[in-house]
Amino acid sequence: MSASLTRVFISYRRAVSEVTARLIESHLPKHVYDVFYDIDSIDGGQFKPILFNEIAARQFFILIVDKGTLERCSDPEDILRREIEYALELNKTVIPVLVNNLSFGDLEPYLPDKLQELKRWQAIPFVNYYFHAFMLKLRERYLREEDMEPSGALKSPSEDALLKLAEEESARNQKIVLRAVLTEDIKALNDSVASLKESRASYRALNEAIKTEMHAIKKRLEDLRVVDKGACPLCANALDEEQRVNLLGMIESDGKARGDVWRANKMQMESLEQEIMEKMRRLEELEADLYALNKLL
């Protein structure tokens, strides 16, 4: 463990607080904290010395308290109770994290004599949907050695410190709002690009069908042009010259109309392609902005 890192031990009851513990544990190392929390079974005896050594080696002891955390602490051999008692015995800075609006009044029936000392420590409430604000407060107000009195109580912060904390939280909230806006804009652009690509595909399919029809028209024209008299090569009916010329004109007119539609569709596809490219470039810019913003959060 690096001496430059603030060392933290997270104590929790796995059955009720594993998700909360994982959230806190995954966040703190990003802000130069060395965190230990047990993620495997600790029923085996060999794990207990490791846990107690880790508690001894760390300044801060975060205790996550949810409904069901302390109920088994009436047992002197309960591992969570032993962790708490050891941290108190070593005068570690204990930070109770109270989940689901719990208070020490709710926990009074589950605090054996030694654990009554927990009540002298200032607890911090945990609210999942304000997680980043919670973590900012935890880092700035609780995990700071210079802010701790020898008794373990928190000093009252200065006005400047409170102002700085408020400014940082406000700046972070603004970034969170901006991230939400960018995310929504990216989604809207993706939906728009998908719709444009669908339209382009429809025009392409239409032109493929028209192309096939135009090849058939070309073949009919070739057949009619080589017929001087006799039966029509298309319907086998009797065909004189005037009828042949009229039929040629009708088929040529049909072919021209289909050709006009094919060219109009082609222009639409080119316009759609240009619009797709412009939106894709904008999408890349927004995704780059979102990536940079996420690195700041």
C-alpha atoms as a PDB file:
ATOM      1  CA  MET A   1       0.000   0.000   0.000  1.00  0.00           C
ATOM      2  CA  SER A   2       1.354   3.415  -0.926  1.00  0.00           C
ATOM      3  CA  ALA A   3       1.952   5.779   1.993  1.00  0.00           C
ATOM      4  CA  SER A   4       0.479   8.633  -0.087  1.00  0.00           C
ATOM      5  CA  LEU A   5      -2.943   7.003  -0.246  1.00  0.00           C
ATOM      6  CA  THR A   6      -5.659   7.480   2.351  1.00  0.00           C
ATOM      7  CA  ARG A   7      -6.414   3.983   3.622  1.00  0.00           C
ATOM      8  CA  VAL A   8      -9.994   2.897   4.170  1.00  0.00           C
ATOM      9  CA  PHE A   9     -11.578  -0.295   5.487  1.00  0.00           C
ATOM     10  CA  ILE A  10     -15.221  -0.979   4.532  1.00  0.00           C
ATOM     11  CA  SER A  11     -17.192  -3.119   6.986  1.00  0.00           C
ATOM     12  CA  TYR A  12     -20.624  -4.414   5.981  1.00  0.00           C
ATOM     13  CA  ARG A  13     -23.063  -7.294   6.275  1.00  0.00           C
ATOM     14  CA  ARG A  14     -22.878  -9.047   2.917  1.00  0.00           C
ATOM     15  CA  ALA A  15     -26.462 -10.324   2.971  1.00  0.00           C
ATOM     16  CA  VAL A  16     -27.929  -6.794   3.117  1.00  0.00           C
ATOM     17  CA  SER A  17     -25.285  -4.266   2.007  1.00  0.00           C
ATOM     18  CA  GLU A  18     -23.097  -5.833  -0.668  1.00  0.00           C
ATOM     19  CA  VAL A  19     -24.334  -3.519  -3.444  1.00  0.00           C
ATOM     20  CA  THR A  20     -23.754  -0.388  -1.368  1.00  0.00           C
ATOM     21  CA  ALA A  21     -20.291  -1.597  -0.378  1.00  0.00           C
ATOM     22  CA  ARG A  22     -19.365  -2.302  -3.986  1.00  0.00           C
ATOM     23  CA  LEU A  23     -20.554   1.152  -5.092  1.00  0.00           C
ATOM     24  CA  ILE A  24     -18.418   2.920  -2.486  1.00  0.00           C
ATOM     25  CA  GLU A  25     -15.428   0.624  -3.026  1.00  0.00           C
ATOM     26  CA  SER A  26     -15.464   1.123  -6.801  1.00  0.00           C
ATOM     27  CA  HIS A  27     -15.651   4.922  -6.483  1.00  0.00           C
ATOM     28  CA  LEU A  28     -12.968   5.732  -3.892  1.00  0.00           C
ATOM     29  CA  PRO A  29      -9.865   4.381  -5.723  1.00  0.00           C
ATOM     30  CA  LYS A  30     -10.561   6.893  -8.521  1.00  0.00           C
ATOM     31  CA  HIS A  31      -9.881   9.638  -5.960  1.00  0.00           C
ATOM     32  CA  VAL A  32      -6.592   8.330  -4.508  1.00  0.00           C
ATOM     33  CA  TYR A  33      -7.932   6.079  -1.759  1.00  0.00           C
ATOM     34  CA  ASP A  34      -6.608   2.623  -0.901  1.00  0.00           C
ATOM     35  CA  VAL A  35      -9.707   0.605  -0.023  1.00  0.00           C
ATOM     36  CA  PHE A  36     -10.073  -2.839   1.516  1.00  0.00           C
ATOM     37  CA  TYR A  37     -13.318  -4.746   1.748  1.00  0.00           C
ATOM     38  CA  ASP A  38     -13.889  -8.461   1.897  1.00  0.00           C
ATOM     39  CA  ILE A  39     -15.627  -9.900  -1.169  1.00  0.00           C
ATOM     40  CA  ASP A  40     -15.222 -13.583  -0.371  1.00  0.00           C
ATOM     41  CA  SER A  41     -16.526 -15.772   2.414  1.00  0.00           C
ATOM     42  CA  ILE A  42     -14.943 -15.070   5.799  1.00  0.00           C
ATOM     43  CA  ASP A  43     -16.222 -18.187   7.529  1.00  0.00           C
ATOM     44  CA  GLY A  44     -12.784 -19.753   7.346  1.00  0.00           C
ATOM     45  CA  GLY A  45     -10.590 -18.926  10.323  1.00  0.00           C
ATOM     46  CA  GLN A  46      -7.640 -17.884   8.157  1.00  0.00           C
ATOM     47  CA  PHE A  47      -9.534 -14.813   6.965  1.00  0.00           C
ATOM     48  CA  LYS A  48      -9.990 -13.237  10.389  1.00  0.00           C
ATOM     49  CA  PRO A  49      -6.329 -12.315  11.023  1.00  0.00           C
ATOM     50  CA  ILE A  50      -6.218 -10.777   7.539  1.00  0.00           C
ATOM     51  CA  LEU A  51      -9.256  -8.636   8.274  1.00  0.00           C
ATOM     52  CA  PHE A  52      -7.959  -7.460  11.630  1.00  0.00           C
ATOM     53  CA  ASN A  53      -4.532  -6.669  10.164  1.00  0.00           C
ATOM     54  CA  GLU A  54      -6.218  -4.576   7.470  1.00  0.00           C
ATOM     55  CA  ILE A  55      -8.269  -2.697  10.065  1.00  0.00           C
ATOM     56  CA  ALA A  56      -5.117  -1.957  12.038  1.00  0.00           C
ATOM     57  CA  ALA A  57      -3.309  -0.696   8.940  1.00  0.00           C
ATOM     58  CA  ARG A  58      -5.982   1.821   7.925  1.00  0.00           C
ATOM     59  CA  GLN A  59      -6.995   5.215   9.287  1.00  0.00           C
ATOM     60  CA  PHE A  60     -10.669   5.063   8.383  1.00  0.00           C
ATOM     61  CA  PHE A  61     -13.298   2.442   9.147  1.00  0.00           C
ATOM     62  CA  ILE A  62     -16.500   2.845   7.096  1.00  0.00           C
ATOM     63  CA  LEU A  63     -19.385   0.873   8.596  1.00  0.00           C
ATOM     64  CA  ILE A  64     -22.378   0.402   6.283  1.00  0.00           C
ATOM     65  CA  VAL A  65     -25.541  -0.005   8.343  1.00  0.00           C
ATOM     66  CA  ASP A  66     -28.767  -1.129   6.717  1.00  0.00           C
ATOM     67  CA  LYS A  67     -31.818  -2.963   8.031  1.00  0.00           C
ATOM     68  CA  GLY A  68     -30.481  -6.332   9.150  1.00  0.00           C
ATOM     69  CA  THR A  69     -26.857  -5.246   9.610  1.00  0.00           C
ATOM     70  CA  LEU A  70     -26.614  -5.226  13.404  1.00  0.00           C
ATOM     71  CA  GLU A  71     -29.254  -7.751  14.430  1.00  0.00           C
ATOM     72  CA  ARG A  72     -26.684 -10.559  14.842  1.00  0.00           C
ATOM     73  CA  CYS A  73     -24.261  -8.405  16.824  1.00  0.00           C
ATOM     74  CA  SER A  74     -25.706  -9.784  20.066  1.00  0.00           C
ATOM     75  CA  ASP A  75     -23.425 -12.765  19.387  1.00  0.00           C
ATOM     76  CA  PRO A  76     -19.908 -11.952  20.742  1.00  0.00           C
ATOM     77  CA  GLU A  77     -18.403 -14.113  17.975  1.00  0.00           C
ATOM     78  CA  ASP A  78     -20.229 -12.365  15.145  1.00  0.00           C
ATOM     79  CA  ILE A  79     -17.494 -11.314  12.716  1.00  0.00           C
ATOM     80  CA  LEU A  80     -19.025  -7.896  11.980  1.00  0.00           C
ATOM     81  CA  ARG A  81     -19.281  -7.135  15.709  1.00  0.00           C
ATOM     82  CA  ARG A  82     -15.636  -8.160  16.151  1.00  0.00           C
ATOM     83  CA  GLU A  83     -14.565  -5.878  13.291  1.00  0.00           C
ATOM     84  CA  ILE A  84     -16.385  -2.909  14.831  1.00  0.00           C
ATOM     85  CA  GLU A  85     -15.064  -3.563  18.324  1.00  0.00           C
ATOM     86  CA  TYR A  86     -11.509  -3.907  17.026  1.00  0.00           C
ATOM     87  CA  ALA A  87     -11.736  -0.613  15.127  1.00  0.00           C
ATOM     88  CA  LEU A  88     -13.069   1.136  18.236  1.00  0.00           C
ATOM     89  CA  GLU A  89     -10.362  -0.444  20.400  1.00  0.00           C
ATOM     90  CA  LEU A  90      -7.690   0.919  18.026  1.00  0.00           C
ATOM     91  CA  ASN A  91      -9.309   4.377  18.010  1.00  0.00           C
ATOM     92  CA  LYS A  92      -9.839   4.283  14.259  1.00  0.00           C
ATOM     93  CA  THR A  93     -11.934   7.005  12.661  1.00  0.00           C
ATOM     94  CA  VAL A  94     -15.317   5.307  12.364  1.00  0.00           C
ATOM     95  CA  ILE A  95     -17.749   6.552   9.726  1.00  0.00           C
ATOM     96  CA  PRO A  96     -21.230   5.006  10.046  1.00  0.00           C
ATOM     97  CA  VAL A  97     -23.086   5.079   6.721  1.00  0.00           C
ATOM     98  CA  LEU A  98     -26.814   4.810   7.466  1.00  0.00           C
ATOM     99  CA  VAL A  99     -28.900   3.373   4.612  1.00  0.00           C
ATOM    100  CA  ASN A 100     -32.668   3.624   4.054  1.00  0.00           C
ATOM    101  CA  ASN A 101     -33.199   6.563   6.436  1.00  0.00           C
ATOM    102  CA  LEU A 102     -31.989   4.615   9.475  1.00  0.00           C
ATOM    103  CA  SER A 103     -30.997   6.456  12.644  1.00  0.00           C
ATOM    104  CA  PHE A 104     -29.129   5.341  15.745  1.00  0.00           C
ATOM    105  CA  GLY A 105     -32.468   5.470  17.532  1.00  0.00           C
ATOM    106  CA  ASP A 106     -33.648   2.658  15.217  1.00  0.00           C
ATOM    107  CA  LEU A 107     -30.469   0.714  15.979  1.00  0.00           C
ATOM    108  CA  GLU A 108     -30.471   1.072  19.780  1.00  0.00           C
ATOM    109  CA  PRO A 109     -31.893  -2.444  20.442  1.00  0.00           C
ATOM    110  CA  TYR A 110     -29.039  -3.998  18.435  1.00  0.00           C
ATOM    111  CA  LEU A 111     -26.083  -2.174  20.003  1.00  0.00           C
ATOM    112  CA  PRO A 112     -24.308  -4.230  22.678  1.00  0.00           C
ATOM    113  CA  ASP A 113     -22.426  -2.280  25.342  1.00  0.00           C
ATOM    114  CA  LYS A 114     -19.190  -1.902  23.388  1.00  0.00           C
ATOM    115  CA  LEU A 115     -20.996  -0.887  20.232  1.00  0.00           C
ATOM    116  CA  GLN A 116     -22.818   1.942  22.031  1.00  0.00           C
ATOM    117  CA  GLU A 117     -19.686   3.979  21.313  1.00  0.00           C
ATOM    118  CA  LEU A 118     -20.770   4.117  17.654  1.00  0.00           C
ATOM    119  CA  LYS A 119     -23.304   6.780  18.591  1.00  0.00           C
ATOM    120  CA  ARG A 120     -20.585   9.345  19.302  1.00  0.00           C
ATOM    121  CA  TRP A 121     -19.501   9.232  15.687  1.00  0.00           C
ATOM    122  CA  GLN A 122     -21.200  11.483  13.187  1.00  0.00           C
ATOM    123  CA  ALA A 123     -23.057   9.305  10.700  1.00  0.00           C
ATOM    124  CA  ILE A 124     -23.637  10.091   7.034  1.00  0.00           C
ATOM    125  CA  PRO A 125     -26.935   9.087   5.378  1.00  0.00           C
ATOM    126  CA  PHE A 126     -26.715   7.134   2.122  1.00  0.00           C
ATOM    127  CA  VAL A 127     -29.213   7.909  -0.644  1.00  0.00           C
ATOM    128  CA  ASN A 128     -28.667   5.867  -3.801  1.00  0.00           C
ATOM    129  CA  TYR A 129     -30.107   8.360  -6.282  1.00  0.00           C
ATOM    130  CA  TYR A 130     -27.835  11.124  -4.873  1.00  0.00           C
ATOM    131  CA  PHE A 131     -24.803   8.845  -4.981  1.00  0.00           C
ATOM    132  CA  HIS A 132     -22.289  11.338  -6.408  1.00  0.00           C
ATOM    133  CA  ALA A 133     -23.319  14.021  -3.924  1.00  0.00           C
ATOM    134  CA  PHE A 134     -23.014  11.423  -1.152  1.00  0.00           C
ATOM    135  CA  MET A 135     -19.512  10.421  -2.278  1.00  0.00           C
ATOM    136  CA  LEU A 136     -18.407  14.045  -2.565  1.00  0.00           C
ATOM    137  CA  LYS A 137     -19.557  14.688   0.997  1.00  0.00           C
ATOM    138  CA  LEU A 138     -17.918  11.469   2.207  1.00  0.00           C
ATOM    139  CA  ARG A 139     -14.574  12.425   0.659  1.00  0.00           C
ATOM    140  CA  GLU A 140     -14.597  16.120   1.533  1.00  0.00           C
ATOM    141  CA  ARG A 141     -16.096  15.993   5.019  1.00  0.00           C
ATOM    142  CA  TYR A 142     -15.402  12.573   6.481  1.00  0.00           C
ATOM    143  CA  LEU A 143     -12.265  11.087   4.925  1.00  0.00           C
ATOM    144  CA  ARG A 144     -10.005  13.983   5.909  1.00  0.00           C
ATOM    145  CA  GLU A 145      -7.626  13.438   8.788  1.00  0.00           C
ATOM    146  CA  GLU A 146      -7.049  17.132   9.377  1.00  0.00           C
ATOM    147  CA  ASP A 147     -10.790  17.581  10.033  1.00  0.00           C
ATOM    148  CA  MET A 148     -10.873  15.068  12.879  1.00  0.00           C
ATOM    149  CA  GLU A 149     -10.706  15.921  16.576  1.00  0.00           C
ATOM    150  CA  PRO A 150      -8.818  13.491  18.856  1.00  0.00           C
ATOM    151  CA  SER A 151     -12.193  12.296  20.139  1.00  0.00           C
ATOM    152  CA  GLY A 152     -13.209  11.351  16.641  1.00  0.00           C
ATOM    153  CA  ALA A 153     -15.863  14.045  16.287  1.00  0.00           C
ATOM    154  CA  LEU A 154     -15.888  16.152  13.153  1.00  0.00           C
ATOM    155  CA  LYS A 155     -14.758  19.765  13.359  1.00  0.00           C
ATOM    156  CA  SER A 156     -17.220  22.356  12.186  1.00  0.00           C
ATOM    157  CA  PRO A 157     -16.174  23.280   8.653  1.00  0.00           C
ATOM    158  CA  SER A 158     -15.208  26.844   7.859  1.00  0.00           C
ATOM    159  CA  GLU A 159     -17.440  28.998   5.686  1.00  0.00           C
ATOM    160  CA  ASP A 160     -14.804  28.872   2.955  1.00  0.00           C
ATOM    161  CA  ALA A 161     -14.744  25.070   3.079  1.00  0.00           C
ATOM    162  CA  LEU A 162     -18.528  24.894   2.892  1.00  0.00           C
ATOM    163  CA  LEU A 163     -18.575  27.368   0.006  1.00  0.00           C
ATOM    164  CA  LYS A 164     -15.923  25.380  -1.843  1.00  0.00           C
ATOM    165  CA  LEU A 165     -17.882  22.176  -1.298  1.00  0.00           C
ATOM    166  CA  ALA A 166     -21.086  23.816  -2.538  1.00  0.00           C
ATOM    167  CA  GLU A 167     -19.314  25.177  -5.625  1.00  0.00           C
ATOM    168  CA  GLU A 168     -17.814  21.794  -6.425  1.00  0.00           C
ATOM    169  CA  GLU A 169     -21.154  20.061  -5.989  1.00  0.00           C
ATOM    170  CA  SER A 170     -22.871  22.691  -8.148  1.00  0.00           C
ATOM    171  CA  ALA A 171     -20.240  22.288 -10.869  1.00  0.00           C
ATOM    172  CA  ARG A 172     -20.645  18.554 -10.756  1.00  0.00           C
ATOM    173  CA  ASN A 173     -24.426  18.819 -10.944  1.00  0.00           C
ATOM    174  CA  GLN A 174     -24.078  21.045 -13.994  1.00  0.00           C
ATOM    175  CA  LYS A 175     -21.876  18.417 -15.628  1.00  0.00           C
ATOM    176  CA  ILE A 176     -24.441  15.734 -14.784  1.00  0.00           C
ATOM    177  CA  VAL A 177     -27.191  17.823 -16.406  1.00  0.00           C
ATOM    178  CA  LEU A 178     -24.985  18.400 -19.456  1.00  0.00           C
ATOM    179  CA  ARG A 179     -24.279  14.677 -19.645  1.00  0.00           C
ATOM    180  CA  ALA A 180     -28.020  13.968 -19.650  1.00  0.00           C
ATOM    181  CA  VAL A 181     -28.534  16.520 -22.447  1.00  0.00           C
ATOM    182  CA  LEU A 182     -25.674  15.058 -24.502  1.00  0.00           C
ATOM    183  CA  THR A 183     -26.973  11.537 -23.974  1.00  0.00           C
ATOM    184  CA  GLU A 184     -30.443  12.575 -25.137  1.00  0.00           C
ATOM    185  CA  ASP A 185     -29.021  14.411 -28.169  1.00  0.00           C
ATOM    186  CA  ILE A 186     -26.936  11.372 -29.105  1.00  0.00           C
ATOM    187  CA  LYS A 187     -29.980   9.122 -28.832  1.00  0.00           C
ATOM    188  CA  ALA A 188     -32.042  11.497 -31.001  1.00  0.00           C
ATOM    189  CA  LEU A 189     -29.265  11.641 -33.614  1.00  0.00           C
ATOM    190  CA  ASN A 190     -28.920   7.856 -33.636  1.00  0.00           C
ATOM    191  CA  ASP A 191     -32.672   7.505 -34.113  1.00  0.00           C
ATOM    192  CA  SER A 192     -32.577  10.080 -36.917  1.00  0.00           C
ATOM    193  CA  VAL A 193     -29.675   8.351 -38.674  1.00  0.00           C
ATOM    194  CA  ALA A 194     -31.451   4.997 -38.392  1.00  0.00           C
ATOM    195  CA  SER A 195     -34.597   6.509 -39.936  1.00  0.00           C
ATOM    196  CA  LEU A 196     -32.608   8.087 -42.782  1.00  0.00           C
ATOM    197  CA  LYS A 197     -30.849   4.800 -43.491  1.00  0.00           C
ATOM    198  CA  GLU A 198     -34.212   3.045 -43.572  1.00  0.00           C
ATOM    199  CA  SER A 199     -35.509   5.591 -46.108  1.00  0.00           C
ATOM    200  CA  ARG A 200     -32.356   5.182 -48.201  1.00  0.00           C
ATOM    201  CA  ALA A 201     -32.798   1.420 -48.175  1.00  0.00           C
ATOM    202  CA  SER A 202     -36.421   1.818 -49.325  1.00  0.00           C
ATOM    203  CA  TYR A 203     -35.393   3.990 -52.287  1.00  0.00           C
ATOM    204  CA  ARG A 204     -32.614   1.541 -53.151  1.00  0.00           C
ATOM    205  CA  ALA A 205     -35.088  -1.367 -53.139  1.00  0.00           C
ATOM    206  CA  LEU A 206     -37.520   0.609 -55.334  1.00  0.00           C
ATOM    207  CA  ASN A 207     -34.785   1.400 -57.845  1.00  0.00           C
ATOM    208  CA  GLU A 208     -33.694  -2.219 -57.968  1.00  0.00           C
ATOM    209  CA  ALA A 209     -37.287  -3.172 -58.832  1.00  0.00           C
ATOM    210  CA  ILE A 210     -37.558  -0.374 -61.424  1.00  0.00           C
ATOM    211  CA  LYS A 211     -34.248  -1.449 -62.963  1.00  0.00           C
ATOM    212  CA  THR A 212     -35.593  -4.969 -63.418  1.00  0.00           C
ATOM    213  CA  GLU A 213     -38.787  -3.592 -65.004  1.00  0.00           C
ATOM    214  CA  MET A 214     -36.794  -1.351 -67.345  1.00  0.00           C
ATOM    215  CA  HIS A 215     -34.736  -4.319 -68.552  1.00  0.00           C
ATOM    216  CA  ALA A 216     -38.028  -6.099 -69.339  1.00  0.00           C
ATOM    217  CA  ILE A 217     -39.313  -3.010 -71.208  1.00  0.00           C
ATOM    218  CA  LYS A 218     -36.088  -2.829 -73.209  1.00  0.00           C
ATOM    219  CA  LYS A 219     -36.500  -6.465 -74.218  1.00  0.00           C
ATOM    220  CA  ARG A 220     -40.144  -5.881 -75.324  1.00  0.00           C
ATOM    221  CA  LEU A 221     -39.079  -2.888 -77.417  1.00  0.00           C
ATOM    222  CA  GLU A 222     -36.331  -4.918 -79.106  1.00  0.00           C
ATOM    223  CA  ASP A 223     -38.795  -7.685 -79.925  1.00  0.00           C
ATOM    224  CA  LEU A 224     -41.372  -5.264 -81.353  1.00  0.00           C
ATOM    225  CA  ARG A 225     -38.862  -3.402 -83.512  1.00  0.00           C
ATOM    226  CA  VAL A 226     -37.860  -6.490 -85.439  1.00  0.00           C
ATOM    227  CA  VAL A 227     -41.473  -7.431 -86.268  1.00  0.00           C
ATOM    228  CA  ASP A 228     -42.781  -6.156 -89.633  1.00  0.00           C
ATOM    229  CA  LYS A 229     -46.129  -7.938 -89.743  1.00  0.00           C
ATOM    230  CA  GLY A 230     -47.977 -10.930 -88.487  1.00  0.00           C
ATOM    231  CA  ALA A 231     -48.477 -11.894 -84.850  1.00  0.00           C
ATOM    232  CA  CYS A 232     -47.452  -9.716 -81.934  1.00  0.00           C
ATOM    233  CA  PRO A 233     -44.392 -11.272 -80.204  1.00  0.00           C
ATOM    234  CA  LEU A 234     -45.780 -10.145 -76.840  1.00  0.00           C
ATOM    235  CA  CYS A 235     -49.378 -11.393 -76.961  1.00  0.00           C
ATOM    236  CA  ALA A 236     -49.500 -13.495 -80.165  1.00  0.00           C
ATOM    237  CA  ASN A 237     -52.444 -11.439 -81.494  1.00  0.00           C
ATOM    238  CA  ALA A 238     -52.541 -10.178 -85.098  1.00  0.00           C
ATOM    239  CA  LEU A 239     -50.608  -6.902 -85.371  1.00  0.00           C
ATOM    240  CA  ASP A 240     -50.515  -4.443 -88.283  1.00  0.00           C
ATOM    241  CA  GLU A 241     -47.934  -1.669 -88.694  1.00  0.00           C
ATOM    242  CA  GLU A 242     -50.041   1.064 -87.147  1.00  0.00           C
ATOM    243  CA  GLN A 243     -50.727  -1.086 -84.116  1.00  0.00           C
ATOM    244  CA  ARG A 244     -47.045  -1.928 -83.827  1.00  0.00           C
ATOM    245  CA  VAL A 245     -46.029   1.739 -83.916  1.00  0.00           C
ATOM    246  CA  ASN A 246     -48.664   2.692 -81.362  1.00  0.00           C
ATOM    247  CA  LEU A 247     -47.593  -0.127 -79.064  1.00  0.00           C
ATOM    248  CA  LEU A 248     -43.946   0.896 -79.397  1.00  0.00           C
ATOM    249  CA  GLY A 249     -44.884   4.453 -78.391  1.00  0.00           C
ATOM    250  CA  MET A 250     -46.817   3.268 -75.361  1.00  0.00           C
ATOM    251  CA  ILE A 251     -43.985   1.032 -74.165  1.00  0.00           C
ATOM    252  CA  GLU A 252     -41.365   3.740 -74.769  1.00  0.00           C
ATOM    253  CA  SER A 253     -43.474   6.233 -72.816  1.00  0.00           C
ATOM    254  CA  ASP A 254     -43.795   3.720 -69.949  1.00  0.00           C
ATOM    255  CA  GLY A 255     -40.039   3.143 -69.988  1.00  0.00           C
ATOM    256  CA  LYS A 256     -39.344   6.894 -69.909  1.00  0.00           C
ATOM    257  CA  ALA A 257     -41.696   7.372 -66.953  1.00  0.00           C
ATOM    258  CA  ARG A 258     -40.004   4.603 -65.037  1.00  0.00           C
ATOM    259  CA  GLY A 259     -36.617   6.060 -65.892  1.00  0.00           C
ATOM    260  CA  ASP A 260     -37.727   9.430 -64.510  1.00  0.00           C
ATOM    261  CA  VAL A 261     -38.796   7.767 -61.261  1.00  0.00           C
ATOM    262  CA  TRP A 262     -35.471   5.886 -61.058  1.00  0.00           C
ATOM    263  CA  ARG A 263     -33.489   9.128 -61.487  1.00  0.00           C
ATOM    264  CA  ALA A 264     -35.629  10.969 -58.912  1.00  0.00           C
ATOM    265  CA  ASN A 265     -35.087   8.123 -56.443  1.00  0.00           C
ATOM    266  CA  LYS A 266     -31.351   8.240 -57.101  1.00  0.00           C
ATOM    267  CA  MET A 267     -31.292  11.965 -56.295  1.00  0.00           C
ATOM    268  CA  GLN A 268     -33.209  11.298 -53.083  1.00  0.00           C
ATOM    269  CA  MET A 269     -30.657   8.623 -52.096  1.00  0.00           C
ATOM    270  CA  GLU A 270     -27.768  11.017 -52.726  1.00  0.00           C
ATOM    271  CA  SER A 271     -29.475  13.685 -50.616  1.00  0.00           C
ATOM    272  CA  LEU A 272     -30.107  11.168 -47.830  1.00  0.00           C
ATOM    273  CA  GLU A 273     -26.493   9.992 -47.986  1.00  0.00           C
ATOM    274  CA  GLN A 274     -25.277  13.568 -47.544  1.00  0.00           C
ATOM    275  CA  GLU A 275     -27.607  14.116 -44.586  1.00  0.00           C
ATOM    276  CA  ILE A 276     -26.507  10.835 -42.985  1.00  0.00           C
ATOM    277  CA  MET A 277     -22.831  11.807 -43.310  1.00  0.00           C
ATOM    278  CA  GLU A 278     -23.461  15.216 -41.718  1.00  0.00           C
ATOM    279  CA  LYS A 279     -25.369  13.666 -38.807  1.00  0.00           C
ATOM    280  CA  MET A 280     -22.680  11.010 -38.340  1.00  0.00           C
ATOM    281  CA  ARG A 281     -20.018  13.726 -38.093  1.00  0.00           C
ATOM    282  CA  ARG A 282     -22.141  15.553 -35.512  1.00  0.00           C
ATOM    283  CA  LEU A 283     -22.670  12.284 -33.676  1.00  0.00           C
ATOM    284  CA  GLU A 284     -18.906  11.726 -33.451  1.00  0.00           C
ATOM    285  CA  GLU A 285     -18.477  15.226 -31.996  1.00  0.00           C
ATOM    286  CA  LEU A 286     -21.164  14.672 -29.368  1.00  0.00           C
ATOM    287  CA  GLU A 287     -19.786  11.259 -28.411  1.00  0.00           C
ATOM    288  CA  ALA A 288     -16.307  12.797 -28.009  1.00  0.00           C
ATOM    289  CA  ASP A 289     -17.799  15.521 -25.785  1.00  0.00           C
ATOM    290  CA  LEU A 290     -19.628  12.910 -23.712  1.00  0.00           C
ATOM    291  CA  TYR A 291     -16.475  10.809 -23.343  1.00  0.00           C
ATOM    292  CA  ALA A 292     -14.494  13.837 -22.143  1.00  0.00           C
ATOM    293  CA  LEU A 293     -17.293  14.810 -19.732  1.00  0.00           C
ATOM    294  CA  ASN A 294     -17.499  11.301 -18.280  1.00  0.00           C
ATOM    295  CA  LYS A 295     -13.776  11.439 -17.494  1.00  0.00           C
ATOM    296  CA  LEU A 296     -14.423  14.536 -15.384  1.00  0.00           C
ATOM    297  CA  LEU A 297     -17.221  12.882 -13.360  1.00  0.00           C
END
